[in-house]
Amino acid sequence: MGEMKPAVFLDRDGCVTVEKSYVKTAEEMEIYPYAARCVERIHELGYWAIVITNQSGVGRGMFTEKELGRMNDKLIRETGVDAVYYCPHWHNEKSRLPEYNIECECRKPNTGMIEKAKKDFSIDISRSYFVGDRATDLMTGKKAGTKAILVRTGYGEKPLEHPVTPDAVYDNLEEFTKALGCSRI
């Protein structure tokens, strides 16, 4: 399967892209101007760059998986991330889409998307990071065995919605990737 490499798992909204509540089209998705440089640095330092994102807008009927695929393609094309894993599910009694109305193992803070990435890539979890703007991102990283990094972009400016302590806090993804090559984290 090849040499094991660590990964930097990245939340999408509020970390790699601007947080806009529910982004419904690829055209609405706004990638931070520094995101591609950050991914390039992550790769230069010998890490996979993998996006892990909850996208319940699919399960809520706000946009289709096909449109989400267009968003994912744009994200890969414009930032150079190695892969995008998403959870389209929304478990709620109000759901009108039964195929998405399930309790799943992929929705953060569950680790199903990371488990899938570990099967698809040769990942050394013990040296990996999860970077995001919400408590669920930090909880996912900790459950999976990575270091959990909070960025202050997106929801990261507000108090966390669950009690969880990040391993480190940075203003944004760019600040994190500058520190990544150092042993400070």
C-alpha atoms as a PDB file:
ATOM      1  CA  MET A   1       0.000   0.000   0.000  1.00  0.00           C
ATOM      2  CA  GLY A   2       3.016   2.303   0.041  1.00  0.00           C
ATOM      3  CA  GLU A   3       4.747   4.319   2.723  1.00  0.00           C
ATOM      4  CA  MET A   4       2.477   5.697   5.427  1.00  0.00           C
ATOM      5  CA  LYS A   5       2.155   9.478   5.466  1.00  0.00           C
ATOM      6  CA  PRO A   6       0.365  11.701   7.943  1.00  0.00           C
ATOM      7  CA  ALA A   7      -2.646  13.719   6.797  1.00  0.00           C
ATOM      8  CA  VAL A   8      -4.002  17.151   7.464  1.00  0.00           C
ATOM      9  CA  PHE A   9      -7.767  16.673   7.510  1.00  0.00           C
ATOM     10  CA  LEU A  10      -9.506  19.929   6.691  1.00  0.00           C
ATOM     11  CA  ASP A  11     -13.053  20.988   7.370  1.00  0.00           C
ATOM     12  CA  ARG A  12     -14.465  22.706   4.277  1.00  0.00           C
ATOM     13  CA  ASP A  13     -16.754  25.571   5.334  1.00  0.00           C
ATOM     14  CA  GLY A  14     -15.026  28.118   7.537  1.00  0.00           C
ATOM     15  CA  CYS A  15     -11.587  26.552   7.045  1.00  0.00           C
ATOM     16  CA  VAL A  16     -10.881  26.134   3.307  1.00  0.00           C
ATOM     17  CA  THR A  17     -13.942  28.045   2.076  1.00  0.00           C
ATOM     18  CA  VAL A  18     -15.779  31.056   3.457  1.00  0.00           C
ATOM     19  CA  GLU A  19     -18.585  30.093   5.876  1.00  0.00           C
ATOM     20  CA  LYS A  20     -21.904  31.079   4.256  1.00  0.00           C
ATOM     21  CA  SER A  21     -24.397  28.836   6.076  1.00  0.00           C
ATOM     22  CA  TYR A  22     -25.592  26.606   3.205  1.00  0.00           C
ATOM     23  CA  VAL A  23     -23.638  26.963  -0.024  1.00  0.00           C
ATOM     24  CA  LYS A  24     -25.946  25.539  -2.700  1.00  0.00           C
ATOM     25  CA  THR A  25     -23.879  25.793  -5.906  1.00  0.00           C
ATOM     26  CA  ALA A  26     -20.251  25.588  -6.980  1.00  0.00           C
ATOM     27  CA  GLU A  27     -20.517  29.234  -8.056  1.00  0.00           C
ATOM     28  CA  GLU A  28     -21.567  30.290  -4.512  1.00  0.00           C
ATOM     29  CA  MET A  29     -18.630  28.469  -2.916  1.00  0.00           C
ATOM     30  CA  GLU A  30     -15.867  30.981  -2.118  1.00  0.00           C
ATOM     31  CA  ILE A  31     -12.440  29.476  -1.533  1.00  0.00           C
ATOM     32  CA  TYR A  32     -10.105  31.467   0.717  1.00  0.00           C
ATOM     33  CA  PRO A  33      -7.409  33.134  -1.437  1.00  0.00           C
ATOM     34  CA  TYR A  34      -4.630  31.447   0.576  1.00  0.00           C
ATOM     35  CA  ALA A  35      -6.119  27.918   0.473  1.00  0.00           C
ATOM     36  CA  ALA A  36      -4.148  26.636  -2.544  1.00  0.00           C
ATOM     37  CA  ARG A  37      -0.852  27.896  -1.051  1.00  0.00           C
ATOM     38  CA  CYS A  38      -1.722  26.166   2.223  1.00  0.00           C
ATOM     39  CA  VAL A  39      -2.409  22.861   0.471  1.00  0.00           C
ATOM     40  CA  GLU A  40       0.848  23.217  -1.456  1.00  0.00           C
ATOM     41  CA  ARG A  41       2.738  23.706   1.844  1.00  0.00           C
ATOM     42  CA  ILE A  42       0.932  20.740   3.436  1.00  0.00           C
ATOM     43  CA  HIS A  43       2.098  18.600   0.502  1.00  0.00           C
ATOM     44  CA  GLU A  44       5.657  19.986   0.621  1.00  0.00           C
ATOM     45  CA  LEU A  45       5.853  18.927   4.276  1.00  0.00           C
ATOM     46  CA  GLY A  46       4.883  15.358   3.371  1.00  0.00           C
ATOM     47  CA  TYR A  47       1.210  15.297   4.402  1.00  0.00           C
ATOM     48  CA  TRP A  48      -1.946  14.340   2.549  1.00  0.00           C
ATOM     49  CA  ALA A  49      -4.481  17.207   2.394  1.00  0.00           C
ATOM     50  CA  ILE A  50      -7.965  15.724   2.753  1.00  0.00           C
ATOM     51  CA  VAL A  51     -11.256  17.582   3.176  1.00  0.00           C
ATOM     52  CA  ILE A  52     -13.792  16.055   5.604  1.00  0.00           C
ATOM     53  CA  THR A  53     -17.154  17.833   5.476  1.00  0.00           C
ATOM     54  CA  ASN A  54     -20.720  17.452   6.730  1.00  0.00           C
ATOM     55  CA  GLN A  55     -23.083  18.488   3.925  1.00  0.00           C
ATOM     56  CA  SER A  56     -26.572  17.970   5.343  1.00  0.00           C
ATOM     57  CA  GLY A  57     -27.907  20.428   2.735  1.00  0.00           C
ATOM     58  CA  VAL A  58     -28.176  17.345   0.488  1.00  0.00           C
ATOM     59  CA  GLY A  59     -30.294  15.495   3.054  1.00  0.00           C
ATOM     60  CA  ARG A  60     -32.352  18.633   3.639  1.00  0.00           C
ATOM     61  CA  GLY A  61     -33.140  18.866  -0.085  1.00  0.00           C
ATOM     62  CA  MET A  62     -31.340  22.213  -0.512  1.00  0.00           C
ATOM     63  CA  PHE A  63     -29.020  20.909  -3.258  1.00  0.00           C
ATOM     64  CA  THR A  64     -28.251  17.579  -4.912  1.00  0.00           C
ATOM     65  CA  GLU A  65     -25.291  15.245  -4.600  1.00  0.00           C
ATOM     66  CA  LYS A  66     -24.583  16.048  -8.262  1.00  0.00           C
ATOM     67  CA  GLU A  67     -24.222  19.757  -7.392  1.00  0.00           C
ATOM     68  CA  LEU A  68     -22.102  18.834  -4.361  1.00  0.00           C
ATOM     69  CA  GLY A  69     -19.924  16.852  -6.778  1.00  0.00           C
ATOM     70  CA  ARG A  70     -19.420  20.034  -8.804  1.00  0.00           C
ATOM     71  CA  MET A  71     -18.396  21.831  -5.588  1.00  0.00           C
ATOM     72  CA  ASN A  72     -15.965  19.040  -4.694  1.00  0.00           C
ATOM     73  CA  ASP A  73     -14.460  19.060  -8.200  1.00  0.00           C
ATOM     74  CA  LYS A  74     -13.944  22.835  -7.962  1.00  0.00           C
ATOM     75  CA  LEU A  75     -12.329  22.463  -4.535  1.00  0.00           C
ATOM     76  CA  ILE A  76      -9.897  19.799  -5.790  1.00  0.00           C
ATOM     77  CA  ARG A  77      -9.130  21.725  -8.988  1.00  0.00           C
ATOM     78  CA  GLU A  78      -8.577  25.103  -7.314  1.00  0.00           C
ATOM     79  CA  THR A  79      -6.797  24.051  -4.104  1.00  0.00           C
ATOM     80  CA  GLY A  80      -5.055  20.783  -4.984  1.00  0.00           C
ATOM     81  CA  VAL A  81      -6.488  18.800  -2.041  1.00  0.00           C
ATOM     82  CA  ASP A  82      -6.040  15.057  -2.463  1.00  0.00           C
ATOM     83  CA  ALA A  83      -9.682  14.134  -1.802  1.00  0.00           C
ATOM     84  CA  VAL A  84     -13.008  15.387  -0.467  1.00  0.00           C
ATOM     85  CA  TYR A  85     -15.110  13.133   1.781  1.00  0.00           C
ATOM     86  CA  TYR A  86     -18.617  14.261   2.631  1.00  0.00           C
ATOM     87  CA  CYS A  87     -21.612  13.194   4.673  1.00  0.00           C
ATOM     88  CA  PRO A  88     -24.918  14.036   2.938  1.00  0.00           C
ATOM     89  CA  HIS A  89     -27.126  12.716   5.735  1.00  0.00           C
ATOM     90  CA  TRP A  90     -29.630  14.615   7.863  1.00  0.00           C
ATOM     91  CA  HIS A  91     -31.339  12.485  10.489  1.00  0.00           C
ATOM     92  CA  ASN A  92     -34.489  14.419  11.339  1.00  0.00           C
ATOM     93  CA  GLU A  93     -38.195  13.671  11.625  1.00  0.00           C
ATOM     94  CA  LYS A  94     -38.911  16.591   9.246  1.00  0.00           C
ATOM     95  CA  SER A  95     -36.820  15.065   6.448  1.00  0.00           C
ATOM     96  CA  ARG A  96     -38.648  14.399   3.184  1.00  0.00           C
ATOM     97  CA  LEU A  97     -35.719  12.450   1.731  1.00  0.00           C
ATOM     98  CA  PRO A  98     -35.723   9.001   3.386  1.00  0.00           C
ATOM     99  CA  GLU A  99     -32.562   7.846   1.568  1.00  0.00           C
ATOM    100  CA  TYR A 100     -30.609  10.512   3.493  1.00  0.00           C
ATOM    101  CA  ASN A 101     -32.569  10.354   6.758  1.00  0.00           C
ATOM    102  CA  ILE A 102     -30.309   7.878   8.537  1.00  0.00           C
ATOM    103  CA  GLU A 103     -28.119   7.797  11.615  1.00  0.00           C
ATOM    104  CA  CYS A 104     -24.730   7.239  10.039  1.00  0.00           C
ATOM    105  CA  GLU A 105     -21.131   6.687  11.038  1.00  0.00           C
ATOM    106  CA  CYS A 106     -19.859   9.357   8.663  1.00  0.00           C
ATOM    107  CA  ARG A 107     -21.432  12.522  10.083  1.00  0.00           C
ATOM    108  CA  LYS A 108     -18.938  14.431  12.227  1.00  0.00           C
ATOM    109  CA  PRO A 109     -18.227  14.038  15.125  1.00  0.00           C
ATOM    110  CA  ASN A 110     -18.297  10.366  14.033  1.00  0.00           C
ATOM    111  CA  THR A 111     -15.137   9.202  12.307  1.00  0.00           C
ATOM    112  CA  GLY A 112     -16.546   7.300   9.307  1.00  0.00           C
ATOM    113  CA  MET A 113     -15.102   9.701   6.719  1.00  0.00           C
ATOM    114  CA  ILE A 114     -11.648   9.459   8.294  1.00  0.00           C
ATOM    115  CA  GLU A 115     -11.944   5.656   8.383  1.00  0.00           C
ATOM    116  CA  LYS A 116     -12.759   5.699   4.647  1.00  0.00           C
ATOM    117  CA  ALA A 117      -9.795   7.999   3.951  1.00  0.00           C
ATOM    118  CA  LYS A 118      -7.518   5.631   5.899  1.00  0.00           C
ATOM    119  CA  LYS A 119      -8.646   2.788   3.589  1.00  0.00           C
ATOM    120  CA  ASP A 120      -8.086   4.879   0.448  1.00  0.00           C
ATOM    121  CA  PHE A 121      -4.753   6.460   1.479  1.00  0.00           C
ATOM    122  CA  SER A 122      -1.840   5.151   3.517  1.00  0.00           C
ATOM    123  CA  ILE A 123      -2.308   7.445   6.538  1.00  0.00           C
ATOM    124  CA  ASP A 124      -0.303   7.597   9.745  1.00  0.00           C
ATOM    125  CA  ILE A 125      -3.057   8.873  12.065  1.00  0.00           C
ATOM    126  CA  SER A 126      -0.722   9.362  15.038  1.00  0.00           C
ATOM    127  CA  ARG A 127       1.092  12.165  13.161  1.00  0.00           C
ATOM    128  CA  SER A 128      -2.040  13.648  11.575  1.00  0.00           C
ATOM    129  CA  TYR A 129      -4.086  16.789  12.264  1.00  0.00           C
ATOM    130  CA  PHE A 130      -7.740  17.755  11.973  1.00  0.00           C
ATOM    131  CA  VAL A 131      -8.236  21.475  11.290  1.00  0.00           C
ATOM    132  CA  GLY A 132     -11.648  23.077  11.614  1.00  0.00           C
ATOM    133  CA  ASP A 133     -13.766  25.898  12.987  1.00  0.00           C
ATOM    134  CA  ARG A 134     -16.265  23.972  15.133  1.00  0.00           C
ATOM    135  CA  ALA A 135     -16.330  21.697  18.158  1.00  0.00           C
ATOM    136  CA  THR A 136     -17.516  18.798  15.971  1.00  0.00           C
ATOM    137  CA  ASP A 137     -14.289  19.095  13.947  1.00  0.00           C
ATOM    138  CA  LEU A 138     -12.171  18.992  17.099  1.00  0.00           C
ATOM    139  CA  MET A 139     -14.197  16.085  18.501  1.00  0.00           C
ATOM    140  CA  THR A 140     -13.784  14.154  15.236  1.00  0.00           C
ATOM    141  CA  GLY A 141     -10.035  14.673  15.255  1.00  0.00           C
ATOM    142  CA  LYS A 142      -9.680  13.624  18.886  1.00  0.00           C
ATOM    143  CA  LYS A 143     -11.882  10.526  18.385  1.00  0.00           C
ATOM    144  CA  ALA A 144      -9.815   9.539  15.346  1.00  0.00           C
ATOM    145  CA  GLY A 145      -6.493   9.989  17.169  1.00  0.00           C
ATOM    146  CA  THR A 146      -5.245  13.165  15.461  1.00  0.00           C
ATOM    147  CA  LYS A 147      -4.258  16.495  16.941  1.00  0.00           C
ATOM    148  CA  ALA A 148      -7.280  18.813  16.855  1.00  0.00           C
ATOM    149  CA  ILE A 149      -6.660  22.345  15.603  1.00  0.00           C
ATOM    150  CA  LEU A 150      -9.156  25.213  15.859  1.00  0.00           C
ATOM    151  CA  VAL A 151      -9.070  28.057  13.340  1.00  0.00           C
ATOM    152  CA  ARG A 152     -10.790  31.347  14.164  1.00  0.00           C
ATOM    153  CA  THR A 153     -12.306  31.764  10.702  1.00  0.00           C
ATOM    154  CA  GLY A 154     -15.930  30.724  10.107  1.00  0.00           C
ATOM    155  CA  TYR A 155     -17.617  29.716  13.362  1.00  0.00           C
ATOM    156  CA  GLY A 156     -14.229  29.632  15.110  1.00  0.00           C
ATOM    157  CA  GLU A 157     -14.701  33.238  16.239  1.00  0.00           C
ATOM    158  CA  LYS A 158     -17.632  32.173  18.446  1.00  0.00           C
ATOM    159  CA  PRO A 159     -17.624  29.989  21.573  1.00  0.00           C
ATOM    160  CA  LEU A 160     -17.530  26.275  20.801  1.00  0.00           C
ATOM    161  CA  GLU A 161     -20.908  24.534  20.724  1.00  0.00           C
ATOM    162  CA  HIS A 162     -19.599  21.587  22.819  1.00  0.00           C
ATOM    163  CA  PRO A 163     -16.936  21.451  25.540  1.00  0.00           C
ATOM    164  CA  VAL A 164     -13.748  20.320  23.816  1.00  0.00           C
ATOM    165  CA  THR A 165     -10.219  21.674  24.096  1.00  0.00           C
ATOM    166  CA  PRO A 166      -8.215  22.162  20.895  1.00  0.00           C
ATOM    167  CA  ASP A 167      -4.555  21.136  20.819  1.00  0.00           C
ATOM    168  CA  ALA A 168      -3.799  24.538  19.273  1.00  0.00           C
ATOM    169  CA  VAL A 169      -5.652  27.609  17.976  1.00  0.00           C
ATOM    170  CA  TYR A 170      -4.723  29.677  14.908  1.00  0.00           C
ATOM    171  CA  ASP A 171      -6.276  32.714  13.235  1.00  0.00           C
ATOM    172  CA  ASN A 172      -6.759  30.794   9.970  1.00  0.00           C
ATOM    173  CA  LEU A 173      -5.500  27.897   7.865  1.00  0.00           C
ATOM    174  CA  GLU A 174      -2.575  29.971   6.626  1.00  0.00           C
ATOM    175  CA  GLU A 175      -1.300  30.558  10.177  1.00  0.00           C
ATOM    176  CA  PHE A 176      -1.616  26.834  10.924  1.00  0.00           C
ATOM    177  CA  THR A 177       0.343  25.790   7.824  1.00  0.00           C
ATOM    178  CA  LYS A 178       3.118  28.269   8.674  1.00  0.00           C
ATOM    179  CA  ALA A 179       3.452  26.568  12.072  1.00  0.00           C
ATOM    180  CA  LEU A 180       3.106  23.042  10.647  1.00  0.00           C
ATOM    181  CA  GLY A 181       6.757  22.770   9.654  1.00  0.00           C
ATOM    182  CA  CYS A 182       7.855  23.734  13.164  1.00  0.00           C
ATOM    183  CA  SER A 183       7.663  21.523  16.226  1.00  0.00           C
ATOM    184  CA  ARG A 184       5.487  24.049  18.092  1.00  0.00           C
ATOM    185  CA  ILE A 185       2.160  22.323  17.489  1.00  0.00           C
END
